[in-house]
């Protein structure tokens, strides 16, 4: 049976970890967006060797479970002489993995923009990088908004895995409460509701933004 008194008593403690959850989500997605845009540019407009390397790296990263990647980064960086606290380590691992997925989202959107846009940019005197940054990427971001929002919600939920390297986020706090009270249902129910409400809020806001920025005839919205 769900114990409401446990939820009411320990809600502030559980929610105290939500700040770290948001930091990892927003920072990880932003880092992933930067890496994904660079990767998409390399895969589409880069020289053939760079395309092969970029495609191989993104495939490898998408094939590694986040839990494993978190541990690899946490224990691997010190061997390279770089010691990071758990939170920045989690942001780095989450961002790198998210970048591998966002690169494919952006790649599809860039290809949907069409080569005519690039040809027009080249004809006006732009080089590849300028054309990509000024002409292609802004349109691709609008087209890829549904996919990027979906990636945001995935990253939000995946931050719960950061407990494995010692990050005190919302899920970790819920487990601590459960271990003290011997009641796992109440704290985890509260945690699930917070994840759900956050995802719903982001989806609603993104849907409105997408309708305002949508390109007529392309896309249907965020689901």
N, C-alpha and C. Protein backbone atom coordinates (compact mmCIF):
# COMPACT_ATOMS: atom_id res chain seq x y z
N UNK A 1 0.84 -1.20 0.00
CA UNK A 1 0.00 0.00 0.00
C UNK A 1 0.88 1.25 0.00
N UNK A 2 0.47 2.26 -0.76
CA UNK A 2 1.24 3.49 -0.86
C UNK A 2 1.12 4.31 0.41
N UNK A 3 2.25 4.58 1.04
CA UNK A 3 2.28 5.34 2.29
C UNK A 3 2.48 6.82 1.97
N UNK A 4 1.39 7.58 2.04
CA UNK A 4 1.47 9.01 1.72
C UNK A 4 2.30 9.78 2.73
N UNK A 5 2.31 9.31 3.98
CA UNK A 5 3.09 10.03 5.00
C UNK A 5 4.57 9.97 4.70
N UNK A 6 5.02 8.87 4.08
CA UNK A 6 6.43 8.76 3.69
C UNK A 6 6.74 9.77 2.60
N UNK A 7 5.83 9.89 1.63
CA UNK A 7 6.03 10.84 0.54
C UNK A 7 6.09 12.27 1.08
N UNK A 8 5.13 12.61 1.95
CA UNK A 8 5.07 13.97 2.49
C UNK A 8 6.28 14.29 3.35
N UNK A 9 6.73 13.32 4.10
CA UNK A 9 7.85 13.56 5.02
C UNK A 9 9.18 13.69 4.29
N UNK A 10 9.37 12.85 3.26
CA UNK A 10 10.68 12.79 2.61
C UNK A 10 10.71 13.45 1.23
N UNK A 11 9.60 14.04 0.81
CA UNK A 11 9.58 14.70 -0.51
C UNK A 11 10.66 15.77 -0.65
N UNK A 12 10.86 16.65 0.35
CA UNK A 12 11.92 17.66 0.20
C UNK A 12 13.31 17.05 -0.01
N UNK A 13 13.59 15.96 0.69
CA UNK A 13 14.89 15.31 0.54
C UNK A 13 15.04 14.71 -0.85
N UNK A 14 14.00 14.03 -1.32
CA UNK A 14 14.05 13.43 -2.65
C UNK A 14 14.19 14.50 -3.73
N UNK A 15 13.39 15.56 -3.60
CA UNK A 15 13.40 16.63 -4.61
C UNK A 15 14.68 17.46 -4.56
N UNK A 16 15.43 17.37 -3.46
CA UNK A 16 16.70 18.10 -3.39
C UNK A 16 17.69 17.60 -4.44
N UNK A 17 17.49 16.37 -4.90
CA UNK A 17 18.37 15.83 -5.94
C UNK A 17 17.96 16.21 -7.34
N UNK A 18 16.80 16.87 -7.48
CA UNK A 18 16.31 17.22 -8.81
C UNK A 18 17.18 18.26 -9.49
N UNK A 19 17.85 19.10 -8.71
CA UNK A 19 18.73 20.11 -9.31
C UNK A 19 19.87 19.44 -10.08
N UNK A 20 20.47 18.40 -9.49
CA UNK A 20 21.52 17.68 -10.19
C UNK A 20 20.98 16.93 -11.40
N UNK A 21 19.74 16.44 -11.29
CA UNK A 21 19.11 15.79 -12.44
C UNK A 21 18.97 16.77 -13.60
N UNK A 22 18.52 17.99 -13.30
CA UNK A 22 18.37 19.00 -14.34
C UNK A 22 19.71 19.44 -14.91
N UNK A 23 20.70 19.60 -14.03
CA UNK A 23 22.03 20.00 -14.51
C UNK A 23 22.58 18.98 -15.49
N UNK A 24 22.47 17.70 -15.14
CA UNK A 24 22.97 16.65 -16.03
C UNK A 24 22.18 16.61 -17.32
N UNK A 25 20.87 16.80 -17.23
CA UNK A 25 20.02 16.72 -18.43
C UNK A 25 20.32 17.88 -19.39
N UNK A 26 20.23 19.11 -18.88
CA UNK A 26 20.41 20.28 -19.75
C UNK A 26 21.85 20.34 -20.27
N UNK A 27 22.82 20.16 -19.39
CA UNK A 27 24.23 20.23 -19.81
C UNK A 27 24.56 19.10 -20.77
N UNK A 28 24.06 17.91 -20.48
CA UNK A 28 24.33 16.77 -21.35
C UNK A 28 23.73 16.95 -22.72
N UNK A 29 22.50 17.45 -22.79
CA UNK A 29 21.85 17.66 -24.08
C UNK A 29 22.54 18.77 -24.87
N UNK A 30 22.95 19.85 -24.20
CA UNK A 30 23.64 20.93 -24.89
C UNK A 30 25.00 20.48 -25.41
N UNK A 31 25.73 19.73 -24.59
CA UNK A 31 27.01 19.18 -25.05
C UNK A 31 26.77 18.23 -26.22
N UNK A 32 25.73 17.40 -26.10
CA UNK A 32 25.41 16.48 -27.18
C UNK A 32 25.01 17.19 -28.46
N UNK A 33 24.32 18.33 -28.32
CA UNK A 33 23.91 19.09 -29.50
C UNK A 33 25.13 19.64 -30.23
N UNK A 34 26.08 20.16 -29.46
CA UNK A 34 27.30 20.69 -30.08
C UNK A 34 28.09 19.57 -30.78
N UNK A 35 28.24 18.45 -30.08
CA UNK A 35 28.97 17.32 -30.67
C UNK A 35 28.20 16.72 -31.84
N UNK A 36 26.87 16.66 -31.70
CA UNK A 36 26.05 16.09 -32.77
C UNK A 36 26.08 16.93 -34.02
N UNK A 37 26.03 18.26 -33.87
CA UNK A 37 26.09 19.14 -35.03
C UNK A 37 27.42 19.01 -35.75
N UNK A 38 28.51 18.96 -34.97
CA UNK A 38 29.84 18.80 -35.57
C UNK A 38 29.95 17.46 -36.28
N UNK A 39 29.40 16.43 -35.66
CA UNK A 39 29.45 15.10 -36.25
C UNK A 39 28.62 15.02 -37.54
N UNK A 40 27.42 15.63 -37.50
CA UNK A 40 26.57 15.62 -38.69
C UNK A 40 27.24 16.37 -39.84
N UNK A 41 27.88 17.49 -39.53
CA UNK A 41 28.60 18.25 -40.55
C UNK A 41 29.70 17.40 -41.16
N UNK A 42 30.46 16.70 -40.29
CA UNK A 42 31.57 15.88 -40.77
C UNK A 42 31.06 14.73 -41.64
N UNK A 43 29.94 14.12 -41.23
CA UNK A 43 29.43 12.96 -41.97
C UNK A 43 28.87 13.35 -43.34
N UNK A 44 28.33 14.55 -43.45
CA UNK A 44 27.66 14.94 -44.69
C UNK A 44 28.59 15.75 -45.60
N UNK A 45 29.32 16.69 -45.01
CA UNK A 45 30.11 17.62 -45.82
C UNK A 45 31.61 17.44 -45.69
N UNK A 46 32.05 16.56 -44.81
CA UNK A 46 33.48 16.36 -44.61
C UNK A 46 34.09 15.48 -45.68
N UNK A 47 35.43 15.43 -45.73
CA UNK A 47 36.11 14.53 -46.67
C UNK A 47 35.81 13.07 -46.32
N UNK A 48 35.98 12.20 -47.28
CA UNK A 48 35.59 10.79 -47.10
C UNK A 48 36.23 10.14 -45.87
N UNK A 49 37.54 10.30 -45.63
CA UNK A 49 38.12 9.67 -44.44
C UNK A 49 37.47 10.15 -43.14
N UNK A 50 37.16 11.45 -43.06
CA UNK A 50 36.52 11.99 -41.86
C UNK A 50 35.10 11.44 -41.72
N UNK A 51 34.41 11.27 -42.82
CA UNK A 51 33.07 10.69 -42.78
C UNK A 51 33.10 9.28 -42.20
N UNK A 52 34.07 8.49 -42.63
CA UNK A 52 34.19 7.11 -42.16
C UNK A 52 34.50 7.07 -40.67
N UNK A 53 35.45 7.90 -40.24
CA UNK A 53 35.84 7.92 -38.82
C UNK A 53 34.67 8.37 -37.95
N UNK A 54 34.02 9.45 -38.37
CA UNK A 54 32.90 9.98 -37.58
C UNK A 54 31.76 8.96 -37.49
N UNK A 55 31.42 8.35 -38.60
CA UNK A 55 30.35 7.35 -38.62
C UNK A 55 30.70 6.16 -37.71
N UNK A 56 31.95 5.74 -37.75
CA UNK A 56 32.38 4.60 -36.92
C UNK A 56 32.29 4.93 -35.44
N UNK A 57 32.78 6.12 -35.07
CA UNK A 57 32.76 6.53 -33.67
C UNK A 57 31.33 6.63 -33.14
N UNK A 58 30.43 7.24 -33.92
CA UNK A 58 29.05 7.38 -33.47
C UNK A 58 28.36 6.02 -33.34
N UNK A 59 28.66 5.10 -34.24
CA UNK A 59 28.10 3.76 -34.14
C UNK A 59 28.59 3.06 -32.87
N UNK A 60 29.86 3.22 -32.56
CA UNK A 60 30.42 2.59 -31.35
C UNK A 60 29.77 3.18 -30.10
N UNK A 61 29.64 4.51 -30.04
CA UNK A 61 29.06 5.15 -28.87
C UNK A 61 27.60 4.75 -28.68
N UNK A 62 26.86 4.63 -29.78
CA UNK A 62 25.46 4.22 -29.65
C UNK A 62 25.32 2.78 -29.21
N UNK A 63 26.37 2.00 -29.40
CA UNK A 63 26.33 0.59 -29.02
C UNK A 63 26.77 0.31 -27.59
N UNK A 64 27.26 1.33 -26.89
CA UNK A 64 27.72 1.15 -25.50
C UNK A 64 26.63 1.60 -24.55
N UNK A 65 26.18 0.73 -23.63
CA UNK A 65 25.18 1.15 -22.64
C UNK A 65 25.70 2.32 -21.81
N UNK A 66 24.81 3.24 -21.47
CA UNK A 66 25.22 4.42 -20.72
C UNK A 66 25.86 4.05 -19.39
N UNK A 67 25.35 3.04 -18.73
CA UNK A 67 25.91 2.61 -17.45
C UNK A 67 27.38 2.24 -17.60
N UNK A 68 27.69 1.51 -18.67
CA UNK A 68 29.07 1.11 -18.93
C UNK A 68 29.92 2.33 -19.28
N UNK A 69 29.36 3.24 -20.09
CA UNK A 69 30.11 4.43 -20.50
C UNK A 69 30.42 5.32 -19.30
N UNK A 70 29.48 5.46 -18.38
CA UNK A 70 29.72 6.24 -17.16
C UNK A 70 30.91 5.68 -16.39
N UNK A 71 30.96 4.38 -16.24
CA UNK A 71 32.05 3.75 -15.51
C UNK A 71 33.37 3.86 -16.27
N UNK A 72 33.32 3.73 -17.59
CA UNK A 72 34.54 3.86 -18.40
C UNK A 72 35.14 5.25 -18.28
N UNK A 73 34.28 6.27 -18.34
CA UNK A 73 34.76 7.65 -18.24
C UNK A 73 35.25 7.94 -16.82
N UNK A 74 34.51 7.47 -15.83
CA UNK A 74 34.85 7.76 -14.43
C UNK A 74 36.19 7.14 -14.05
N UNK A 75 36.43 5.91 -14.48
CA UNK A 75 37.67 5.23 -14.12
C UNK A 75 38.76 5.40 -15.17
N UNK A 76 38.37 5.79 -16.39
CA UNK A 76 39.36 5.93 -17.45
C UNK A 76 40.06 7.27 -17.47
N UNK A 77 39.35 8.34 -17.16
CA UNK A 77 39.96 9.68 -17.21
C UNK A 77 41.16 9.81 -16.25
N UNK A 78 41.08 9.30 -15.02
CA UNK A 78 42.26 9.41 -14.13
C UNK A 78 43.51 8.75 -14.71
N UNK A 79 43.32 7.70 -15.50
CA UNK A 79 44.47 7.05 -16.13
C UNK A 79 45.13 7.95 -17.17
N UNK A 80 44.34 8.92 -17.66
CA UNK A 80 44.86 9.88 -18.64
C UNK A 80 45.33 11.17 -17.96
N UNK A 81 45.30 11.17 -16.63
CA UNK A 81 45.76 12.34 -15.87
C UNK A 81 44.70 13.39 -15.64
N UNK A 82 43.43 13.05 -15.90
CA UNK A 82 42.35 14.01 -15.72
C UNK A 82 41.37 13.48 -14.68
N UNK A 83 41.32 14.15 -13.54
CA UNK A 83 40.45 13.74 -12.45
C UNK A 83 39.28 14.72 -12.35
N UNK A 84 38.08 14.24 -12.59
CA UNK A 84 36.88 15.08 -12.53
C UNK A 84 35.96 14.59 -11.41
N UNK A 85 35.24 15.51 -10.76
CA UNK A 85 34.23 15.10 -9.79
C UNK A 85 33.12 14.30 -10.49
N UNK A 86 32.31 13.59 -9.72
CA UNK A 86 31.27 12.74 -10.32
C UNK A 86 30.30 13.49 -11.23
N UNK A 87 29.85 14.69 -10.82
CA UNK A 87 28.84 15.39 -11.62
C UNK A 87 29.37 15.78 -13.00
N UNK A 88 30.52 16.45 -13.12
CA UNK A 88 31.04 16.75 -14.46
C UNK A 88 31.35 15.49 -15.28
N UNK A 89 31.77 14.44 -14.60
CA UNK A 89 32.02 13.18 -15.30
C UNK A 89 30.74 12.64 -15.92
N UNK A 90 29.65 12.71 -15.16
CA UNK A 90 28.36 12.25 -15.66
C UNK A 90 27.90 13.11 -16.84
N UNK A 91 28.07 14.42 -16.74
CA UNK A 91 27.69 15.32 -17.84
C UNK A 91 28.48 14.97 -19.10
N UNK A 92 29.77 14.72 -18.94
CA UNK A 92 30.62 14.38 -20.08
C UNK A 92 30.16 13.08 -20.74
N UNK A 93 29.95 12.05 -19.94
CA UNK A 93 29.54 10.75 -20.49
C UNK A 93 28.17 10.84 -21.15
N UNK A 94 27.24 11.49 -20.47
CA UNK A 94 25.88 11.63 -21.01
C UNK A 94 25.91 12.47 -22.29
N UNK A 95 26.70 13.55 -22.29
CA UNK A 95 26.78 14.42 -23.46
C UNK A 95 27.38 13.74 -24.67
N UNK A 96 28.44 12.96 -24.44
CA UNK A 96 29.09 12.26 -25.55
C UNK A 96 28.14 11.23 -26.16
N UNK A 97 27.46 10.49 -25.31
CA UNK A 97 26.52 9.48 -25.82
C UNK A 97 25.33 10.15 -26.51
N UNK A 98 24.81 11.22 -25.91
CA UNK A 98 23.70 11.94 -26.53
C UNK A 98 24.11 12.52 -27.88
N UNK A 99 25.35 12.99 -27.97
CA UNK A 99 25.84 13.53 -29.23
C UNK A 99 25.81 12.52 -30.36
N UNK A 100 26.08 11.25 -30.02
CA UNK A 100 26.05 10.20 -31.04
C UNK A 100 24.63 10.02 -31.59
N UNK A 101 23.63 10.15 -30.72
CA UNK A 101 22.25 10.04 -31.18
C UNK A 101 21.77 11.32 -31.87
N UNK A 102 22.16 12.46 -31.31
CA UNK A 102 21.72 13.72 -31.92
C UNK A 102 22.33 13.92 -33.30
N UNK A 103 23.51 13.36 -33.52
CA UNK A 103 24.12 13.50 -34.85
C UNK A 103 23.24 12.87 -35.92
N UNK A 104 22.60 11.76 -35.58
CA UNK A 104 21.73 11.09 -36.56
C UNK A 104 20.42 11.85 -36.74
N UNK A 105 19.91 12.44 -35.65
CA UNK A 105 18.71 13.27 -35.74
C UNK A 105 18.98 14.46 -36.66
N UNK A 106 20.11 15.13 -36.42
CA UNK A 106 20.45 16.31 -37.21
C UNK A 106 20.82 15.93 -38.65
N UNK A 107 21.45 14.78 -38.80
CA UNK A 107 21.82 14.35 -40.15
C UNK A 107 20.58 14.17 -41.02
N UNK A 108 19.56 13.52 -40.47
CA UNK A 108 18.32 13.33 -41.22
C UNK A 108 17.67 14.67 -41.55
N UNK A 109 17.69 15.59 -40.59
CA UNK A 109 17.08 16.90 -40.81
C UNK A 109 17.86 17.69 -41.85
N UNK A 110 19.19 17.60 -41.81
CA UNK A 110 20.03 18.31 -42.78
C UNK A 110 19.76 17.78 -44.19
N UNK A 111 19.64 16.47 -44.31
CA UNK A 111 19.37 15.89 -45.62
C UNK A 111 17.99 16.30 -46.12
N UNK A 112 17.05 16.54 -45.18
CA UNK A 112 15.70 16.97 -45.58
C UNK A 112 15.69 18.40 -46.08
N UNK A 113 16.67 19.19 -45.67
CA UNK A 113 16.74 20.59 -46.13
C UNK A 113 16.95 20.63 -47.64
N UNK A 114 17.76 19.72 -48.15
CA UNK A 114 17.95 19.63 -49.59
C UNK A 114 19.25 20.28 -50.06
N UNK A 115 19.80 19.75 -51.13
CA UNK A 115 21.07 20.24 -51.66
C UNK A 115 20.93 21.60 -52.33
N UNK A 116 19.73 21.95 -52.75
CA UNK A 116 19.53 23.23 -53.43
C UNK A 116 19.89 24.40 -52.51
N UNK A 117 19.62 24.23 -51.22
CA UNK A 117 19.96 25.28 -50.25
C UNK A 117 21.47 25.48 -50.20
N UNK A 118 22.22 24.38 -50.19
CA UNK A 118 23.68 24.48 -50.16
C UNK A 118 24.21 25.09 -51.46
N UNK A 119 23.65 24.68 -52.56
CA UNK A 119 24.12 25.21 -53.84
C UNK A 119 23.88 26.71 -53.93
N UNK A 120 22.74 27.16 -53.40
CA UNK A 120 22.46 28.60 -53.39
C UNK A 120 23.44 29.34 -52.50
N UNK A 121 23.79 28.71 -51.35
CA UNK A 121 24.74 29.33 -50.43
C UNK A 121 26.13 29.41 -51.06
N UNK A 122 26.54 28.34 -51.75
CA UNK A 122 27.83 28.35 -52.43
C UNK A 122 27.86 29.41 -53.53
N UNK A 123 26.74 29.53 -54.22
CA UNK A 123 26.67 30.50 -55.32
C UNK A 123 26.79 31.93 -54.81
N UNK A 124 26.40 32.15 -53.54
CA UNK A 124 26.50 33.50 -52.97
C UNK A 124 27.87 33.78 -52.38
N UNK A 125 28.78 32.79 -52.48
CA UNK A 125 30.15 32.99 -52.04
C UNK A 125 30.49 32.39 -50.69
N UNK A 126 29.59 31.65 -50.09
CA UNK A 126 29.86 31.04 -48.78
C UNK A 126 30.71 29.78 -48.94
N UNK A 127 31.57 29.53 -47.94
CA UNK A 127 32.27 28.25 -47.91
C UNK A 127 31.39 27.22 -47.21
N UNK A 128 31.87 25.98 -47.11
CA UNK A 128 31.04 24.90 -46.56
C UNK A 128 30.61 25.19 -45.11
N UNK A 129 31.57 25.62 -44.28
CA UNK A 129 31.27 25.83 -42.87
C UNK A 129 30.27 26.96 -42.68
N UNK A 130 30.47 28.06 -43.40
CA UNK A 130 29.55 29.20 -43.29
C UNK A 130 28.16 28.83 -43.79
N UNK A 131 28.10 28.11 -44.89
CA UNK A 131 26.81 27.70 -45.44
C UNK A 131 26.09 26.77 -44.46
N UNK A 132 26.84 25.88 -43.85
CA UNK A 132 26.24 24.96 -42.89
C UNK A 132 25.72 25.71 -41.67
N UNK A 133 26.55 26.62 -41.16
CA UNK A 133 26.18 27.35 -39.93
C UNK A 133 25.05 28.34 -40.17
N UNK A 134 25.06 29.02 -41.29
CA UNK A 134 24.12 30.12 -41.51
C UNK A 134 22.86 29.73 -42.26
N UNK A 135 22.93 28.71 -43.10
CA UNK A 135 21.80 28.37 -43.95
C UNK A 135 21.17 27.03 -43.57
N UNK A 136 21.99 26.00 -43.48
CA UNK A 136 21.47 24.64 -43.30
C UNK A 136 21.08 24.36 -41.86
N UNK A 137 21.99 24.66 -40.91
CA UNK A 137 21.75 24.28 -39.52
C UNK A 137 20.50 24.91 -38.91
N UNK A 138 20.23 26.23 -39.13
CA UNK A 138 19.00 26.80 -38.56
C UNK A 138 17.73 26.08 -39.02
N UNK A 139 17.68 25.72 -40.30
CA UNK A 139 16.51 25.00 -40.81
C UNK A 139 16.47 23.57 -40.27
N UNK A 140 17.65 22.95 -40.16
CA UNK A 140 17.71 21.57 -39.66
C UNK A 140 17.27 21.50 -38.20
N UNK A 141 17.62 22.50 -37.41
CA UNK A 141 17.22 22.51 -36.00
C UNK A 141 15.70 22.59 -35.88
N UNK A 142 15.07 23.38 -36.74
CA UNK A 142 13.61 23.48 -36.70
C UNK A 142 12.98 22.14 -37.07
N UNK A 143 13.52 21.48 -38.08
CA UNK A 143 12.97 20.20 -38.51
C UNK A 143 13.22 19.10 -37.48
N UNK A 144 14.32 19.20 -36.77
CA UNK A 144 14.71 18.13 -35.85
C UNK A 144 14.18 18.32 -34.44
N UNK A 145 13.40 19.38 -34.21
CA UNK A 145 12.92 19.66 -32.85
C UNK A 145 12.19 18.48 -32.22
N UNK A 146 11.27 17.78 -32.92
CA UNK A 146 10.62 16.62 -32.29
C UNK A 146 11.62 15.57 -31.83
N UNK A 147 12.59 15.26 -32.67
CA UNK A 147 13.60 14.27 -32.30
C UNK A 147 14.47 14.73 -31.15
N UNK A 148 14.81 16.01 -31.13
CA UNK A 148 15.65 16.54 -30.06
C UNK A 148 14.90 16.55 -28.73
N UNK A 149 13.61 16.84 -28.77
CA UNK A 149 12.81 16.80 -27.54
C UNK A 149 12.73 15.37 -27.02
N UNK A 150 12.55 14.43 -27.92
CA UNK A 150 12.54 13.02 -27.51
C UNK A 150 13.87 12.64 -26.87
N UNK A 151 14.96 13.11 -27.45
CA UNK A 151 16.28 12.84 -26.87
C UNK A 151 16.42 13.48 -25.50
N UNK A 152 15.86 14.66 -25.32
CA UNK A 152 15.89 15.34 -24.02
C UNK A 152 15.21 14.49 -22.95
N UNK A 153 14.04 13.94 -23.27
CA UNK A 153 13.32 13.13 -22.29
C UNK A 153 14.07 11.83 -21.99
N UNK A 154 14.72 11.28 -23.00
CA UNK A 154 15.52 10.07 -22.78
C UNK A 154 16.68 10.36 -21.85
N UNK A 155 17.38 11.48 -22.11
CA UNK A 155 18.51 11.86 -21.26
C UNK A 155 18.05 12.13 -19.83
N UNK A 156 16.90 12.80 -19.70
CA UNK A 156 16.36 13.09 -18.37
C UNK A 156 16.22 11.81 -17.56
N UNK A 157 15.65 10.80 -18.16
CA UNK A 157 15.44 9.54 -17.44
C UNK A 157 16.75 8.77 -17.25
N UNK A 158 17.66 8.92 -18.22
CA UNK A 158 18.94 8.21 -18.10
C UNK A 158 19.85 8.77 -17.01
N UNK A 159 19.59 10.00 -16.58
CA UNK A 159 20.44 10.57 -15.51
C UNK A 159 20.36 9.75 -14.23
N UNK A 160 19.31 8.95 -14.08
CA UNK A 160 19.20 8.11 -12.88
C UNK A 160 20.34 7.11 -12.78
N UNK A 161 21.00 6.81 -13.89
CA UNK A 161 22.12 5.87 -13.87
C UNK A 161 23.39 6.47 -13.28
N UNK A 162 23.41 7.79 -13.12
CA UNK A 162 24.62 8.44 -12.61
C UNK A 162 24.89 8.09 -11.15
N UNK A 163 23.94 7.44 -10.50
CA UNK A 163 24.17 7.01 -9.11
C UNK A 163 25.38 6.09 -9.02
N UNK A 164 25.65 5.38 -10.14
CA UNK A 164 26.70 4.36 -10.10
C UNK A 164 28.08 4.97 -9.90
N UNK A 165 28.25 6.26 -10.21
CA UNK A 165 29.55 6.92 -9.99
C UNK A 165 29.47 7.94 -8.85
N UNK A 166 28.38 7.88 -8.08
CA UNK A 166 28.31 8.69 -6.86
C UNK A 166 27.64 10.04 -7.00
N UNK A 167 26.89 10.28 -8.08
CA UNK A 167 26.17 11.54 -8.22
C UNK A 167 24.89 11.46 -7.40
N UNK A 168 24.67 12.45 -6.56
CA UNK A 168 23.47 12.48 -5.73
C UNK A 168 22.37 13.21 -6.49
N UNK A 169 21.58 12.45 -7.25
CA UNK A 169 20.46 13.03 -7.99
C UNK A 169 19.17 12.49 -7.40
N UNK A 170 18.06 12.75 -8.06
CA UNK A 170 16.75 12.46 -7.48
C UNK A 170 16.54 10.97 -7.22
N UNK A 171 16.93 10.13 -8.17
CA UNK A 171 16.74 8.69 -7.99
C UNK A 171 17.58 8.18 -6.83
N UNK A 172 18.80 8.67 -6.72
CA UNK A 172 19.67 8.26 -5.62
C UNK A 172 19.06 8.63 -4.28
N UNK A 173 18.52 9.83 -4.18
CA UNK A 173 17.88 10.26 -2.94
C UNK A 173 16.67 9.38 -2.61
N UNK A 174 15.92 9.00 -3.63
CA UNK A 174 14.76 8.13 -3.42
C UNK A 174 15.19 6.77 -2.89
N UNK A 175 16.27 6.24 -3.40
CA UNK A 175 16.78 4.95 -2.92
C UNK A 175 17.26 5.07 -1.48
N UNK A 176 17.93 6.18 -1.15
CA UNK A 176 18.37 6.39 0.22
C UNK A 176 17.18 6.41 1.18
N UNK A 177 16.13 7.10 0.80
CA UNK A 177 14.92 7.14 1.62
C UNK A 177 14.32 5.75 1.76
N UNK A 178 14.28 5.02 0.65
CA UNK A 178 13.71 3.67 0.68
C UNK A 178 14.50 2.75 1.61
N UNK A 179 15.82 2.90 1.63
CA UNK A 179 16.64 2.06 2.49
C UNK A 179 16.45 2.39 3.96
N UNK A 180 16.14 3.65 4.25
CA UNK A 180 15.91 4.06 5.64
C UNK A 180 14.52 3.65 6.11
N UNK A 181 13.52 3.84 5.27
CA UNK A 181 12.14 3.58 5.67
C UNK A 181 11.70 2.15 5.38
N UNK A 182 12.50 1.41 4.60
CA UNK A 182 12.15 0.07 4.14
C UNK A 182 10.85 0.08 3.31
N UNK A 183 10.59 1.21 2.70
CA UNK A 183 9.43 1.38 1.83
C UNK A 183 9.92 1.91 0.50
N UNK A 184 9.97 1.04 -0.52
CA UNK A 184 10.46 1.44 -1.83
C UNK A 184 9.36 2.04 -2.70
N UNK A 185 8.12 1.65 -2.45
CA UNK A 185 7.03 2.08 -3.31
C UNK A 185 6.80 3.58 -3.24
N UNK A 186 6.71 4.15 -2.06
CA UNK A 186 6.38 5.57 -1.91
C UNK A 186 7.42 6.49 -2.53
N UNK A 187 8.71 6.38 -2.16
CA UNK A 187 9.70 7.30 -2.74
C UNK A 187 9.88 7.12 -4.25
N UNK A 188 9.79 5.88 -4.73
CA UNK A 188 9.96 5.67 -6.17
C UNK A 188 8.73 6.12 -6.95
N UNK A 189 7.55 6.06 -6.33
CA UNK A 189 6.36 6.60 -6.98
C UNK A 189 6.47 8.11 -7.14
N UNK A 190 6.93 8.78 -6.11
CA UNK A 190 7.13 10.23 -6.20
C UNK A 190 8.15 10.56 -7.27
N UNK A 191 9.23 9.81 -7.32
CA UNK A 191 10.27 10.05 -8.32
C UNK A 191 9.72 9.85 -9.73
N UNK A 192 8.94 8.79 -9.92
CA UNK A 192 8.35 8.52 -11.23
C UNK A 192 7.42 9.65 -11.66
N UNK A 193 6.65 10.17 -10.72
CA UNK A 193 5.73 11.27 -11.04
C UNK A 193 6.48 12.53 -11.45
N UNK A 194 7.59 12.81 -10.78
CA UNK A 194 8.38 13.99 -11.13
C UNK A 194 8.96 13.85 -12.54
N UNK A 195 9.50 12.66 -12.85
CA UNK A 195 9.99 12.41 -14.21
C UNK A 195 8.87 12.60 -15.23
N UNK A 196 7.71 12.02 -14.94
CA UNK A 196 6.58 12.09 -15.86
C UNK A 196 6.12 13.52 -16.09
N UNK A 197 5.94 14.27 -15.01
CA UNK A 197 5.47 15.66 -15.14
C UNK A 197 6.48 16.52 -15.88
N UNK A 198 7.77 16.27 -15.64
CA UNK A 198 8.80 17.04 -16.34
C UNK A 198 8.77 16.75 -17.83
N UNK A 199 8.66 15.47 -18.19
CA UNK A 199 8.61 15.10 -19.61
C UNK A 199 7.37 15.67 -20.29
N UNK A 200 6.23 15.61 -19.62
CA UNK A 200 5.01 16.16 -20.19
C UNK A 200 5.11 17.66 -20.40
N UNK A 201 5.69 18.36 -19.42
CA UNK A 201 5.84 19.80 -19.53
C UNK A 201 6.74 20.18 -20.71
N UNK A 202 7.86 19.47 -20.82
CA UNK A 202 8.79 19.74 -21.93
C UNK A 202 8.11 19.48 -23.27
N UNK A 203 7.35 18.40 -23.37
CA UNK A 203 6.68 18.06 -24.62
C UNK A 203 5.63 19.11 -25.01
N UNK A 204 4.88 19.59 -24.03
CA UNK A 204 3.86 20.60 -24.30
C UNK A 204 4.49 21.90 -24.79
N UNK A 205 5.53 22.34 -24.08
CA UNK A 205 6.22 23.58 -24.48
C UNK A 205 6.85 23.42 -25.86
N UNK A 206 7.46 22.26 -26.10
CA UNK A 206 8.12 22.03 -27.39
C UNK A 206 7.11 21.97 -28.53
N UNK A 207 5.94 21.39 -28.27
CA UNK A 207 4.90 21.34 -29.31
C UNK A 207 4.48 22.74 -29.73
N UNK A 208 4.30 23.62 -28.75
CA UNK A 208 3.91 24.99 -29.07
C UNK A 208 5.02 25.71 -29.84
N UNK A 209 6.25 25.48 -29.41
CA UNK A 209 7.39 26.09 -30.09
C UNK A 209 7.51 25.57 -31.51
N UNK A 210 7.29 24.26 -31.66
CA UNK A 210 7.42 23.66 -32.99
C UNK A 210 6.37 24.21 -33.96
N UNK A 211 5.14 24.37 -33.47
CA UNK A 211 4.10 24.91 -34.34
C UNK A 211 4.43 26.34 -34.76
N UNK A 212 5.07 27.08 -33.87
CA UNK A 212 5.41 28.47 -34.21
C UNK A 212 6.57 28.53 -35.20
N UNK A 213 7.51 27.58 -35.08
CA UNK A 213 8.70 27.62 -35.92
C UNK A 213 8.63 26.67 -37.10
N UNK A 214 7.56 25.88 -37.19
CA UNK A 214 7.50 24.83 -38.20
C UNK A 214 7.58 25.39 -39.62
N UNK A 215 8.17 24.59 -40.48
CA UNK A 215 8.27 24.94 -41.89
C UNK A 215 7.05 24.32 -42.59
N UNK A 216 6.20 25.10 -43.25
CA UNK A 216 4.98 24.59 -43.86
C UNK A 216 5.25 23.39 -44.76
N UNK A 217 4.44 22.34 -44.55
CA UNK A 217 4.55 21.15 -45.39
C UNK A 217 5.51 20.11 -44.87
N UNK A 218 6.25 20.43 -43.77
CA UNK A 218 7.20 19.50 -43.21
C UNK A 218 6.94 19.31 -41.72
N UNK A 219 6.91 18.04 -41.27
CA UNK A 219 6.77 17.74 -39.85
C UNK A 219 5.34 17.82 -39.37
N UNK A 220 5.11 17.14 -38.22
CA UNK A 220 3.76 17.11 -37.66
C UNK A 220 3.71 17.50 -36.21
N UNK A 221 4.85 17.69 -35.57
CA UNK A 221 4.83 18.08 -34.17
C UNK A 221 5.57 17.11 -33.28
N UNK A 222 5.60 17.42 -32.03
CA UNK A 222 6.31 16.63 -31.04
C UNK A 222 5.33 15.68 -30.38
N UNK A 223 5.70 14.42 -30.27
CA UNK A 223 4.83 13.44 -29.62
C UNK A 223 5.46 12.97 -28.33
